[in-house]
PDB file of N, CA and C in Angstrom:
ATOM      1  N   MET A   1      -9.196 -67.343 -34.002  1.00  0.00           N
ATOM      2  CA  MET A   1      -8.416 -66.905 -32.670  1.00  0.00           C
ATOM      3  C   MET A   1      -7.089 -67.743 -32.823  1.00  0.00           C
ATOM      4  N   HIS A   2      -5.982 -67.020 -32.785  1.00  0.00           N
ATOM      5  CA  HIS A   2      -4.702 -67.463 -32.951  1.00  0.00           C
ATOM      6  C   HIS A   2      -4.459 -68.134 -31.667  1.00  0.00           C
ATOM      7  N   ALA A   3      -3.609 -69.048 -31.870  1.00  0.00           N
ATOM      8  CA  ALA A   3      -3.018 -70.307 -30.555  1.00  0.00           C
ATOM      9  C   ALA A   3      -2.642 -69.269 -29.677  1.00  0.00           C
ATOM     10  N   GLU A   4      -1.769 -68.231 -29.740  1.00  0.00           N
ATOM     11  CA  GLU A   4      -1.535 -67.474 -28.656  1.00  0.00           C
ATOM     12  C   GLU A   4      -2.589 -66.840 -27.715  1.00  0.00           C
ATOM     13  N   GLN A   5      -3.321 -66.345 -28.783  1.00  0.00           N
ATOM     14  CA  GLN A   5      -4.706 -65.637 -27.854  1.00  0.00           C
ATOM     15  C   GLN A   5      -5.490 -66.809 -27.333  1.00  0.00           C
ATOM     16  N   ARG A   6      -5.499 -67.921 -27.821  1.00  0.00           N
ATOM     17  CA  ARG A   6      -6.215 -69.086 -27.352  1.00  0.00           C
ATOM     18  C   ARG A   6      -5.625 -69.372 -25.822  1.00  0.00           C
ATOM     19  N   ARG A   7      -4.155 -69.428 -26.023  1.00  0.00           N
ATOM     20  CA  ARG A   7      -3.801 -70.116 -24.716  1.00  0.00           C
ATOM     21  C   ARG A   7      -3.968 -68.801 -23.645  1.00  0.00           C
ATOM     22  N   GLN A   8      -3.578 -67.512 -24.127  1.00  0.00           N
ATOM     23  CA  GLN A   8      -3.990 -66.270 -22.892  1.00  0.00           C
ATOM     24  C   GLN A   8      -5.567 -66.597 -22.249  1.00  0.00           C
ATOM     25  N   ALA A   9      -6.498 -66.567 -23.473  1.00  0.00           N
ATOM     26  CA  ALA A   9      -7.906 -67.080 -22.864  1.00  0.00           C
ATOM     27  C   ALA A   9      -7.948 -68.143 -21.736  1.00  0.00           C
ATOM     28  N   ILE A  10      -7.302 -69.249 -22.211  1.00  0.00           N
ATOM     29  CA  ILE A  10      -7.096 -70.440 -21.393  1.00  0.00           C
ATOM     30  C   ILE A  10      -6.782 -70.110 -19.899  1.00  0.00           C
ATOM     31  N   ARG A  11      -5.652 -69.281 -19.775  1.00  0.00           N
ATOM     32  CA  ARG A  11      -5.083 -68.429 -18.756  1.00  0.00           C
ATOM     33  C   ARG A  11      -5.994 -67.947 -17.697  1.00  0.00           C
ATOM     34  N   GLU A  12      -7.077 -66.915 -18.532  1.00  0.00           N
ATOM     35  CA  GLU A  12      -7.933 -66.332 -18.137  1.00  0.00           C
ATOM     36  C   GLU A  12      -8.626 -67.447 -17.318  1.00  0.00           C
ATOM     37  N   ILE A  13      -9.420 -68.153 -18.056  1.00  0.00           N
ATOM     38  CA  ILE A  13     -10.150 -69.044 -17.649  1.00  0.00           C
ATOM     39  C   ILE A  13     -10.095 -69.773 -16.435  1.00  0.00           C
ATOM     40  N   LEU A  14      -9.029 -70.388 -16.313  1.00  0.00           N
ATOM     41  CA  LEU A  14      -8.401 -71.331 -15.186  1.00  0.00           C
ATOM     42  C   LEU A  14      -8.046 -70.466 -14.128  1.00  0.00           C
ATOM     43  N   GLN A  15      -7.797 -69.048 -14.448  1.00  0.00           N
ATOM     44  CA  GLN A  15      -7.520 -68.278 -13.364  1.00  0.00           C
ATOM     45  C   GLN A  15      -8.945 -67.505 -12.315  1.00  0.00           C
ATOM     46  N   HIS A  16      -9.866 -67.658 -13.305  1.00  0.00           N
ATOM     47  CA  HIS A  16     -11.358 -67.057 -12.728  1.00  0.00           C
ATOM     48  C   HIS A  16     -12.251 -68.186 -12.291  1.00  0.00           C
ATOM     49  N   ALA A  17     -11.584 -69.411 -12.561  1.00  0.00           N
ATOM     50  CA  ALA A  17     -12.577 -70.699 -12.322  1.00  0.00           C
ATOM     51  C   ALA A  17     -12.599 -71.166 -10.970  1.00  0.00           C
ATOM     52  N   ASP A  18     -14.093 -71.544 -10.273  1.00  0.00           N
ATOM     53  CA  ASP A  18     -13.868 -71.869  -8.930  1.00  0.00           C
ATOM     54  C   ASP A  18     -13.936 -73.423  -8.676  1.00  0.00           C
ATOM     55  N   GLN A  19     -13.584 -73.975 -10.120  1.00  0.00           N
ATOM     56  CA  GLN A  19     -13.482 -75.338 -10.032  1.00  0.00           C
ATOM     57  C   GLN A  19     -12.847 -76.063 -10.940  1.00  0.00           C
ATOM     58  N   PRO A  20     -12.260 -77.184 -10.960  1.00  0.00           N
ATOM     59  CA  PRO A  20     -11.186 -77.519 -12.180  1.00  0.00           C
ATOM     60  C   PRO A  20     -12.192 -77.658 -13.598  1.00  0.00           C
ATOM     61  N   VAL A  21     -11.481 -77.315 -14.390  1.00  0.00           N
ATOM     62  CA  VAL A  21     -11.784 -77.053 -15.866  1.00  0.00           C
ATOM     63  C   VAL A  21     -11.280 -78.176 -16.785  1.00  0.00           C
ATOM     64  N   SER A  22     -12.095 -78.917 -17.510  1.00  0.00           N
ATOM     65  CA  SER A  22     -11.611 -80.054 -18.244  1.00  0.00           C
ATOM     66  C   SER A  22     -11.291 -79.714 -19.645  1.00  0.00           C
ATOM     67  N   ALA A  23     -10.121 -80.501 -20.169  1.00  0.00           N
ATOM     68  CA  ALA A  23      -9.717 -80.270 -21.351  1.00  0.00           C
ATOM     69  C   ALA A  23     -11.089 -80.511 -22.566  1.00  0.00           C
ATOM     70  N   THR A  24     -11.846 -81.220 -22.337  1.00  0.00           N
ATOM     71  CA  THR A  24     -12.959 -81.298 -23.209  1.00  0.00           C
ATOM     72  C   THR A  24     -13.802 -79.977 -23.283  1.00  0.00           C
ATOM     73  N   VAL A  25     -13.930 -79.332 -21.835  1.00  0.00           N
ATOM     74  CA  VAL A  25     -14.825 -78.322 -21.760  1.00  0.00           C
ATOM     75  C   VAL A  25     -14.063 -77.317 -22.799  1.00  0.00           C
ATOM     76  N   LEU A  26     -12.886 -77.132 -22.400  1.00  0.00           N
ATOM     77  CA  LEU A  26     -11.922 -75.854 -23.011  1.00  0.00           C
ATOM     78  C   LEU A  26     -11.777 -76.188 -24.705  1.00  0.00           C
ATOM     79  N   ALA A  27     -11.961 -77.386 -24.951  1.00  0.00           N
ATOM     80  CA  ALA A  27     -11.845 -77.845 -26.608  1.00  0.00           C
ATOM     81  C   ALA A  27     -13.309 -77.400 -26.854  1.00  0.00           C
ATOM     82  N   ASN A  28     -14.282 -77.632 -26.559  1.00  0.00           N
ATOM     83  CA  ASN A  28     -15.535 -77.336 -27.159  1.00  0.00           C
ATOM     84  C   ASN A  28     -15.809 -75.535 -26.964  1.00  0.00           C
ATOM     85  N   ARG A  29     -15.199 -75.094 -26.099  1.00  0.00           N
ATOM     86  CA  ARG A  29     -15.348 -73.522 -26.014  1.00  0.00           C
ATOM     87  C   ARG A  29     -14.249 -72.999 -27.247  1.00  0.00           C
ATOM     88  N   PHE A  30     -13.413 -73.768 -27.319  1.00  0.00           N
ATOM     89  CA  PHE A  30     -12.588 -72.724 -28.581  1.00  0.00           C
ATOM     90  C   PHE A  30     -12.739 -73.674 -30.079  1.00  0.00           C
ATOM     91  N   SER A  31     -13.286 -74.591 -30.333  1.00  0.00           N
ATOM     92  CA  SER A  31     -13.537 -75.534 -31.355  1.00  0.00           C
ATOM     93  C   SER A  31     -12.239 -75.770 -31.716  1.00  0.00           C
ATOM     94  N   VAL A  32     -11.626 -76.505 -30.935  1.00  0.00           N
ATOM     95  CA  VAL A  32     -10.330 -77.410 -31.345  1.00  0.00           C
ATOM     96  C   VAL A  32     -10.439 -78.978 -30.632  1.00  0.00           C
ATOM     97  N   SER A  33      -9.289 -79.436 -31.088  1.00  0.00           N
ATOM     98  CA  SER A  33      -9.338 -80.798 -30.314  1.00  0.00           C
ATOM     99  C   SER A  33      -9.140 -81.199 -28.880  1.00  0.00           C
ATOM    100  N   ARG A  34      -9.127 -81.852 -28.439  1.00  0.00           N
ATOM    101  CA  ARG A  34      -8.770 -81.982 -26.742  1.00  0.00           C
ATOM    102  C   ARG A  34      -7.596 -82.158 -26.859  1.00  0.00           C
ATOM    103  N   GLN A  35      -6.638 -82.762 -27.555  1.00  0.00           N
ATOM    104  CA  GLN A  35      -5.290 -82.999 -27.971  1.00  0.00           C
ATOM    105  C   GLN A  35      -4.564 -81.432 -27.860  1.00  0.00           C
ATOM    106  N   ILE A  36      -5.698 -80.352 -28.630  1.00  0.00           N
ATOM    107  CA  ILE A  36      -4.643 -79.194 -28.833  1.00  0.00           C
ATOM    108  C   ILE A  36      -4.861 -78.389 -27.568  1.00  0.00           C
ATOM    109  N   ILE A  37      -5.762 -78.777 -26.725  1.00  0.00           N
ATOM    110  CA  ILE A  37      -5.756 -77.815 -25.460  1.00  0.00           C
ATOM    111  C   ILE A  37      -4.557 -78.524 -24.466  1.00  0.00           C
ATOM    112  N   VAL A  38      -4.398 -80.072 -24.692  1.00  0.00           N
ATOM    113  CA  VAL A  38      -3.273 -80.700 -23.746  1.00  0.00           C
ATOM    114  C   VAL A  38      -2.247 -80.038 -24.331  1.00  0.00           C
ATOM    115  N   GLY A  39      -1.665 -79.764 -25.511  1.00  0.00           N
ATOM    116  CA  GLY A  39      -0.514 -78.900 -25.927  1.00  0.00           C
ATOM    117  C   GLY A  39      -0.462 -77.812 -25.458  1.00  0.00           C
ATOM    118  N   ASP A  40      -1.778 -76.871 -25.504  1.00  0.00           N
ATOM    119  CA  ASP A  40      -1.668 -75.513 -24.977  1.00  0.00           C
ATOM    120  C   ASP A  40      -1.288 -75.472 -23.449  1.00  0.00           C
ATOM    121  N   ILE A  41      -1.782 -76.401 -22.668  1.00  0.00           N
ATOM    122  CA  ILE A  41      -1.462 -76.503 -21.502  1.00  0.00           C
ATOM    123  C   ILE A  41      -0.149 -76.978 -20.930  1.00  0.00           C
ATOM    124  N   ALA A  42       0.329 -77.643 -21.783  1.00  0.00           N
ATOM    125  CA  ALA A  42       2.084 -78.110 -21.539  1.00  0.00           C
ATOM    126  C   ALA A  42       3.002 -76.421 -21.904  1.00  0.00           C
ATOM    127  N   LEU A  43       2.386 -75.989 -23.053  1.00  0.00           N
ATOM    128  CA  LEU A  43       3.141 -74.820 -23.408  1.00  0.00           C
ATOM    129  C   LEU A  43       2.887 -73.547 -22.197  1.00  0.00           C
ATOM    130  N   LEU A  44       1.806 -73.371 -21.714  1.00  0.00           N
ATOM    131  CA  LEU A  44       1.335 -72.451 -20.540  1.00  0.00           C
ATOM    132  C   LEU A  44       2.293 -72.952 -19.172  1.00  0.00           C
ATOM    133  N   ARG A  45       2.396 -74.477 -19.267  1.00  0.00           N
ATOM    134  CA  ARG A  45       3.204 -74.830 -18.002  1.00  0.00           C
ATOM    135  C   ARG A  45       4.546 -74.243 -18.419  1.00  0.00           C
ATOM    136  N   ALA A  46       5.372 -74.574 -19.448  1.00  0.00           N
ATOM    137  CA  ALA A  46       6.586 -74.486 -19.803  1.00  0.00           C
ATOM    138  C   ALA A  46       6.987 -72.958 -19.754  1.00  0.00           C
ATOM    139  N   ALA A  47       5.851 -71.749 -19.990  1.00  0.00           N
ATOM    140  CA  ALA A  47       6.236 -70.909 -19.909  1.00  0.00           C
ATOM    141  C   ALA A  47       5.935 -70.230 -18.222  1.00  0.00           C
ATOM    142  N   GLY A  48       5.775 -71.149 -17.326  1.00  0.00           N
ATOM    143  CA  GLY A  48       5.863 -70.664 -16.215  1.00  0.00           C
ATOM    144  C   GLY A  48       4.541 -70.578 -15.386  1.00  0.00           C
ATOM    145  N   ASP A  49       3.469 -70.943 -16.020  1.00  0.00           N
ATOM    146  CA  ASP A  49       2.080 -71.023 -15.228  1.00  0.00           C
ATOM    147  C   ASP A  49       1.963 -72.144 -14.393  1.00  0.00           C
ATOM    148  N   ALA A  50       1.610 -72.036 -13.135  1.00  0.00           N
ATOM    149  CA  ALA A  50       1.318 -73.090 -12.054  1.00  0.00           C
ATOM    150  C   ALA A  50       0.089 -73.903 -12.447  1.00  0.00           C
ATOM    151  N   ILE A  51      -0.092 -74.415 -13.648  1.00  0.00           N
ATOM    152  CA  ILE A  51      -1.587 -75.519 -14.124  1.00  0.00           C
ATOM    153  C   ILE A  51      -1.147 -76.704 -13.493  1.00  0.00           C
ATOM    154  N   SER A  52      -2.012 -77.205 -12.580  1.00  0.00           N
ATOM    155  CA  SER A  52      -2.196 -78.533 -12.189  1.00  0.00           C
ATOM    156  C   SER A  52      -3.439 -79.198 -12.577  1.00  0.00           C
ATOM    157  N   ALA A  53      -2.995 -80.405 -13.290  1.00  0.00           N
ATOM    158  CA  ALA A  53      -3.997 -81.400 -13.559  1.00  0.00           C
ATOM    159  C   ALA A  53      -4.705 -82.193 -12.595  1.00  0.00           C
ATOM    160  N   THR A  54      -5.893 -82.249 -12.523  1.00  0.00           N
ATOM    161  CA  THR A  54      -6.861 -82.784 -11.333  1.00  0.00           C
ATOM    162  C   THR A  54      -7.759 -83.862 -12.047  1.00  0.00           C
ATOM    163  N   PRO A  55      -8.133 -85.059 -11.691  1.00  0.00           N
ATOM    164  CA  PRO A  55      -9.121 -86.041 -11.944  1.00  0.00           C
ATOM    165  C   PRO A  55     -10.437 -85.137 -12.975  1.00  0.00           C
ATOM    166  N   ARG A  56     -10.329 -84.212 -12.435  1.00  0.00           N
ATOM    167  CA  ARG A  56     -11.576 -83.376 -13.010  1.00  0.00           C
ATOM    168  C   ARG A  56     -11.420 -82.480 -14.102  1.00  0.00           C
ATOM    169  N   GLY A  57     -10.074 -81.737 -14.003  1.00  0.00           N
ATOM    170  CA  GLY A  57      -9.466 -80.690 -14.927  1.00  0.00           C
ATOM    171  C   GLY A  57      -8.472 -80.196 -14.459  1.00  0.00           C
ATOM    172  N   TYR A  58      -8.277 -79.033 -15.058  1.00  0.00           N
ATOM    173  CA  TYR A  58      -7.114 -78.185 -14.881  1.00  0.00           C
ATOM    174  C   TYR A  58      -7.733 -77.093 -13.738  1.00  0.00           C
ATOM    175  N   VAL A  59      -6.434 -76.851 -12.912  1.00  0.00           N
ATOM    176  CA  VAL A  59      -6.772 -75.815 -12.002  1.00  0.00           C
ATOM    177  C   VAL A  59      -5.579 -74.853 -12.049  1.00  0.00           C
ATOM    178  N   ILE A  60      -5.313 -73.400 -11.334  1.00  0.00           N
ATOM    179  CA  ILE A  60      -4.154 -72.991 -11.249  1.00  0.00           C
ATOM    180  C   ILE A  60      -4.272 -73.117  -9.892  1.00  0.00           C
ATOM    181  N   LEU A  61      -3.279 -73.116  -8.941  1.00  0.00           N
ATOM    182  CA  LEU A  61      -3.418 -73.213  -7.704  1.00  0.00           C
ATOM    183  C   LEU A  61      -3.232 -71.680  -6.876  1.00  0.00           C
ATOM    184  N   PRO A  62      -3.688 -71.519  -5.664  1.00  0.00           N
ATOM    185  CA  PRO A  62      -3.529 -70.171  -5.419  1.00  0.00           C
ATOM    186  C   PRO A  62      -2.052 -70.293  -4.947  1.00  0.00           C
ATOM    187  N   GLU A  63      -1.262 -69.108  -4.969  1.00  0.00           N
ATOM    188  CA  GLU A  63       0.085 -69.122  -4.653  1.00  0.00           C
ATOM    189  C   GLU A  63       0.325 -69.310  -3.200  1.00  0.00           C
ATOM    190  N   ALA A  64       1.455 -70.095  -2.906  1.00  0.00           N
ATOM    191  CA  ALA A  64       1.565 -70.488  -1.670  1.00  0.00           C
ATOM    192  C   ALA A  64       2.680 -69.329  -1.190  1.00  0.00           C
ATOM    193  N   ALA A  65       2.893 -69.343   0.364  1.00  0.00           N
ATOM    194  CA  ALA A  65       3.596 -68.724   0.667  1.00  0.00           C
ATOM    195  C   ALA A  65       5.059 -69.437   0.909  1.00  0.00           C
ATOM    196  N   GLY A  66       5.996 -68.978   0.693  1.00  0.00           N
ATOM    197  CA  GLY A  66       7.630 -69.406   0.626  1.00  0.00           C
ATOM    198  C   GLY A  66       7.844 -69.578  -0.527  1.00  0.00           C
ATOM    199  N   LEU A  67       9.104 -70.340  -0.703  1.00  0.00           N
ATOM    200  CA  LEU A  67       9.890 -70.689  -2.126  1.00  0.00           C
ATOM    201  C   LEU A  67       9.240 -71.950  -2.779  1.00  0.00           C
ATOM    202  N   ILE A  68       9.035 -71.698  -3.997  1.00  0.00           N
ATOM    203  CA  ILE A  68       8.494 -72.791  -5.091  1.00  0.00           C
ATOM    204  C   ILE A  68       9.553 -73.161  -5.793  1.00  0.00           C
ATOM    205  N   CYS A  69       9.958 -74.096  -5.905  1.00  0.00           N
ATOM    206  CA  CYS A  69      11.002 -74.692  -6.936  1.00  0.00           C
ATOM    207  C   CYS A  69      10.438 -75.580  -7.725  1.00  0.00           C
ATOM    208  N   ARG A  70      10.895 -75.911  -9.229  1.00  0.00           N
ATOM    209  CA  ARG A  70      10.933 -76.819 -10.040  1.00  0.00           C
ATOM    210  C   ARG A  70      11.910 -77.704 -10.171  1.00  0.00           C
ATOM    211  N   PHE A  71      12.060 -78.850 -10.318  1.00  0.00           N
ATOM    212  CA  PHE A  71      13.269 -79.658 -10.097  1.00  0.00           C
ATOM    213  C   PHE A  71      12.957 -80.854 -11.518  1.00  0.00           C
ATOM    214  N   ALA A  72      13.903 -80.849 -12.381  1.00  0.00           N
ATOM    215  CA  ALA A  72      13.820 -81.506 -13.471  1.00  0.00           C
ATOM    216  C   ALA A  72      14.973 -82.651 -13.308  1.00  0.00           C
ATOM    217  N   CYS A  73      14.839 -84.119 -13.422  1.00  0.00           N
ATOM    218  CA  CYS A  73      15.391 -85.178 -13.166  1.00  0.00           C
ATOM    219  C   CYS A  73      15.341 -86.151 -14.188  1.00  0.00           C
ATOM    220  N   GLN A  74      16.009 -86.884 -14.324  1.00  0.00           N
ATOM    221  CA  GLN A  74      15.823 -88.446 -15.246  1.00  0.00           C
ATOM    222  C   GLN A  74      16.416 -89.724 -14.510  1.00  0.00           C
ATOM    223  N   HIS A  75      15.545 -90.246 -13.969  1.00  0.00           N
ATOM    224  CA  HIS A  75      16.097 -91.276 -13.224  1.00  0.00           C
ATOM    225  C   HIS A  75      15.050 -92.869 -13.336  1.00  0.00           C
ATOM    226  N   SER A  76      15.411 -93.753 -12.198  1.00  0.00           N
ATOM    227  CA  SER A  76      14.269 -94.760 -12.409  1.00  0.00           C
ATOM    228  C   SER A  76      13.421 -94.538 -11.474  1.00  0.00           C
ATOM    229  N   ALA A  77      12.339 -95.205 -11.269  1.00  0.00           N
ATOM    230  CA  ALA A  77      11.360 -95.338 -10.316  1.00  0.00           C
ATOM    231  C   ALA A  77      11.611 -94.953  -8.926  1.00  0.00           C
ATOM    232  N   ALA A  78      12.633 -96.178  -8.623  1.00  0.00           N
ATOM    233  CA  ALA A  78      13.273 -95.904  -7.145  1.00  0.00           C
ATOM    234  C   ALA A  78      14.128 -95.086  -6.750  1.00  0.00           C
ATOM    235  N   GLY A  79      14.859 -94.474  -7.865  1.00  0.00           N
ATOM    236  CA  GLY A  79      15.496 -92.947  -7.587  1.00  0.00           C
ATOM    237  C   GLY A  79      14.717 -91.764  -7.730  1.00  0.00           C
ATOM    238  N   MET A  80      13.242 -91.857  -7.906  1.00  0.00           N
ATOM    239  CA  MET A  80      12.345 -90.889  -7.889  1.00  0.00           C
ATOM    240  C   MET A  80      11.776 -90.834  -6.784  1.00  0.00           C
ATOM    241  N   GLU A  81      11.585 -92.126  -5.983  1.00  0.00           N
ATOM    242  CA  GLU A  81      11.139 -92.088  -4.496  1.00  0.00           C
ATOM    243  C   GLU A  81      12.268 -91.830  -3.856  1.00  0.00           C
ATOM    244  N   GLU A  82      13.389 -92.410  -3.737  1.00  0.00           N
ATOM    245  CA  GLU A  82      14.535 -91.741  -2.749  1.00  0.00           C
ATOM    246  C   GLU A  82      14.594 -90.232  -3.072  1.00  0.00           C
ATOM    247  N   GLU A  83      14.557 -89.486  -4.315  1.00  0.00           N
ATOM    248  CA  GLU A  83      14.657 -88.205  -4.250  1.00  0.00           C
ATOM    249  C   GLU A  83      13.578 -87.469  -3.758  1.00  0.00           C
ATOM    250  N   LEU A  84      12.289 -88.044  -4.148  1.00  0.00           N
ATOM    251  CA  LEU A  84      11.257 -87.176  -2.978  1.00  0.00           C
ATOM    252  C   LEU A  84      11.074 -87.734  -1.693  1.00  0.00           C
ATOM    253  N   ASN A  85      11.844 -88.623  -0.898  1.00  0.00           N
ATOM    254  CA  ASN A  85      11.845 -88.944   0.198  1.00  0.00           C
ATOM    255  C   ASN A  85      13.003 -87.769   0.898  1.00  0.00           C
ATOM    256  N   ALA A  86      13.936 -87.892   0.114  1.00  0.00           N
ATOM    257  CA  ALA A  86      14.862 -86.995   0.322  1.00  0.00           C
ATOM    258  C   ALA A  86      14.676 -85.321   0.677  1.00  0.00           C
ATOM    259  N   MET A  87      13.585 -85.109  -0.055  1.00  0.00           N
ATOM    260  CA  MET A  87      13.367 -83.545  -0.249  1.00  0.00           C
ATOM    261  C   MET A  87      12.299 -83.442   0.886  1.00  0.00           C
ATOM    262  N   VAL A  88      11.557 -84.412   1.312  1.00  0.00           N
ATOM    263  CA  VAL A  88      10.460 -84.441   2.424  1.00  0.00           C
ATOM    264  C   VAL A  88      10.872 -84.489   3.788  1.00  0.00           C
ATOM    265  N   ASP A  89      12.127 -85.158   3.873  1.00  0.00           N
ATOM    266  CA  ASP A  89      13.103 -85.430   5.089  1.00  0.00           C
ATOM    267  C   ASP A  89      13.348 -84.020   5.339  1.00  0.00           C
ATOM    268  N   GLU A  90      13.918 -83.333   4.458  1.00  0.00           N
ATOM    269  CA  GLU A  90      14.644 -81.934   4.652  1.00  0.00           C
ATOM    270  C   GLU A  90      13.709 -80.786   4.835  1.00  0.00           C
ATOM    271  N   GLY A  91      12.102 -81.198   4.955  1.00  0.00           N
ATOM    272  CA  GLY A  91      11.054 -80.060   5.397  1.00  0.00           C
ATOM    273  C   GLY A  91      10.465 -79.579   3.957  1.00  0.00           C
ATOM    274  N   CYS A  92      10.738 -79.953   2.683  1.00  0.00           N
ATOM    275  CA  CYS A  92       9.891 -79.266   1.721  1.00  0.00           C
ATOM    276  C   CYS A  92       8.412 -80.234   1.827  1.00  0.00           C
ATOM    277  N   THR A  93       7.758 -79.402   0.920  1.00  0.00           N
ATOM    278  CA  THR A  93       6.424 -80.068   0.729  1.00  0.00           C
ATOM    279  C   THR A  93       6.158 -80.267  -0.801  1.00  0.00           C
ATOM    280  N   VAL A  94       6.121 -81.465  -1.365  1.00  0.00           N
ATOM    281  CA  VAL A  94       5.929 -81.616  -2.675  1.00  0.00           C
ATOM    282  C   VAL A  94       4.475 -81.445  -3.250  1.00  0.00           C
ATOM    283  N   LEU A  95       4.473 -80.328  -4.230  1.00  0.00           N
ATOM    284  CA  LEU A  95       3.166 -79.861  -4.436  1.00  0.00           C
ATOM    285  C   LEU A  95       2.881 -80.835  -5.540  1.00  0.00           C
ATOM    286  N   ASP A  96       3.397 -81.099  -6.796  1.00  0.00           N
ATOM    287  CA  ASP A  96       3.047 -81.811  -7.850  1.00  0.00           C
ATOM    288  C   ASP A  96       4.012 -82.471  -8.325  1.00  0.00           C
ATOM    289  N   VAL A  97       3.885 -83.599  -9.190  1.00  0.00           N
ATOM    290  CA  VAL A  97       4.866 -84.606  -9.677  1.00  0.00           C
ATOM    291  C   VAL A  97       4.571 -84.885 -11.075  1.00  0.00           C
ATOM    292  N   ILE A  98       5.152 -84.400 -12.133  1.00  0.00           N
ATOM    293  CA  ILE A  98       5.168 -84.618 -13.650  1.00  0.00           C
ATOM    294  C   ILE A  98       6.106 -85.707 -14.096  1.00  0.00           C
ATOM    295  N   VAL A  99       5.637 -86.877 -14.680  1.00  0.00           N
ATOM    296  CA  VAL A  99       6.481 -87.612 -15.246  1.00  0.00           C
ATOM    297  C   VAL A  99       6.262 -87.837 -16.943  1.00  0.00           C
ATOM    298  N   GLU A 100       7.415 -87.279 -17.718  1.00  0.00           N
ATOM    299  CA  GLU A 100       7.245 -87.458 -18.775  1.00  0.00           C
ATOM    300  C   GLU A 100       7.852 -88.980 -19.450  1.00  0.00           C
ATOM    301  N   HIS A 101       6.747 -89.773 -20.330  1.00  0.00           N
ATOM    302  CA  HIS A 101       7.149 -91.320 -20.609  1.00  0.00           C
ATOM    303  C   HIS A 101       7.336 -90.765 -22.181  1.00  0.00           C
ATOM    304  N   PRO A 102       8.304 -91.600 -22.625  1.00  0.00           N
ATOM    305  CA  PRO A 102       8.274 -91.499 -24.329  1.00  0.00           C
ATOM    306  C   PRO A 102       7.152 -91.885 -24.981  1.00  0.00           C
ATOM    307  N   VAL A 103       6.244 -92.797 -24.457  1.00  0.00           N
ATOM    308  CA  VAL A 103       5.272 -93.842 -25.261  1.00  0.00           C
ATOM    309  C   VAL A 103       3.756 -92.799 -24.591  1.00  0.00           C
ATOM    310  N   TYR A 104       3.848 -92.659 -23.235  1.00  0.00           N
ATOM    311  CA  TYR A 104       2.326 -92.401 -22.659  1.00  0.00           C
ATOM    312  C   TYR A 104       2.443 -90.691 -22.934  1.00  0.00           C
ATOM    313  N   GLY A 105       3.526 -90.153 -22.742  1.00  0.00           N
ATOM    314  CA  GLY A 105       3.468 -88.416 -22.723  1.00  0.00           C
ATOM    315  C   GLY A 105       3.779 -87.973 -21.383  1.00  0.00           C
ATOM    316  N   GLN A 106       3.305 -87.050 -21.218  1.00  0.00           N
ATOM    317  CA  GLN A 106       3.248 -86.320 -19.602  1.00  0.00           C
ATOM    318  C   GLN A 106       2.052 -86.712 -19.047  1.00  0.00           C
ATOM    319  N   LEU A 107       2.521 -87.208 -17.629  1.00  0.00           N
ATOM    320  CA  LEU A 107       1.390 -87.684 -16.614  1.00  0.00           C
ATOM    321  C   LEU A 107       1.790 -86.951 -15.512  1.00  0.00           C
ATOM    322  N   THR A 108       0.509 -86.281 -14.889  1.00  0.00           N
ATOM    323  CA  THR A 108       0.660 -85.640 -13.562  1.00  0.00           C
ATOM    324  C   THR A 108      -0.228 -85.963 -12.430  1.00  0.00           C
ATOM    325  N   GLY A 109       0.379 -85.936 -11.223  1.00  0.00           N
ATOM    326  CA  GLY A 109      -0.047 -86.594 -10.052  1.00  0.00           C
ATOM    327  C   GLY A 109       0.024 -85.865  -8.858  1.00  0.00           C
TER     328      GLY A 109
END
């Protein structure tokens, strides 16, 4: 199976799953390393898939009504808090926060 086919299969699994699916489960299913799955998830997100990471695995959240936007910023932790507070003060709901760290990689919460 080619990488693009695997990513499409991952997308379909997540779309039809009724609970979070872990990277380990996906890695075993496709006979690849867990790190390959993490990379595949990153590529799917970059392509626009709304995949969220939970402590129990990956999920695709149902589409919410209204406008959903993604913001890319670069600032300190204090700046991040200020920005998130400003968004919430203006009536936004923050669905997810992704932090990319040069050492630890991508963290979602």
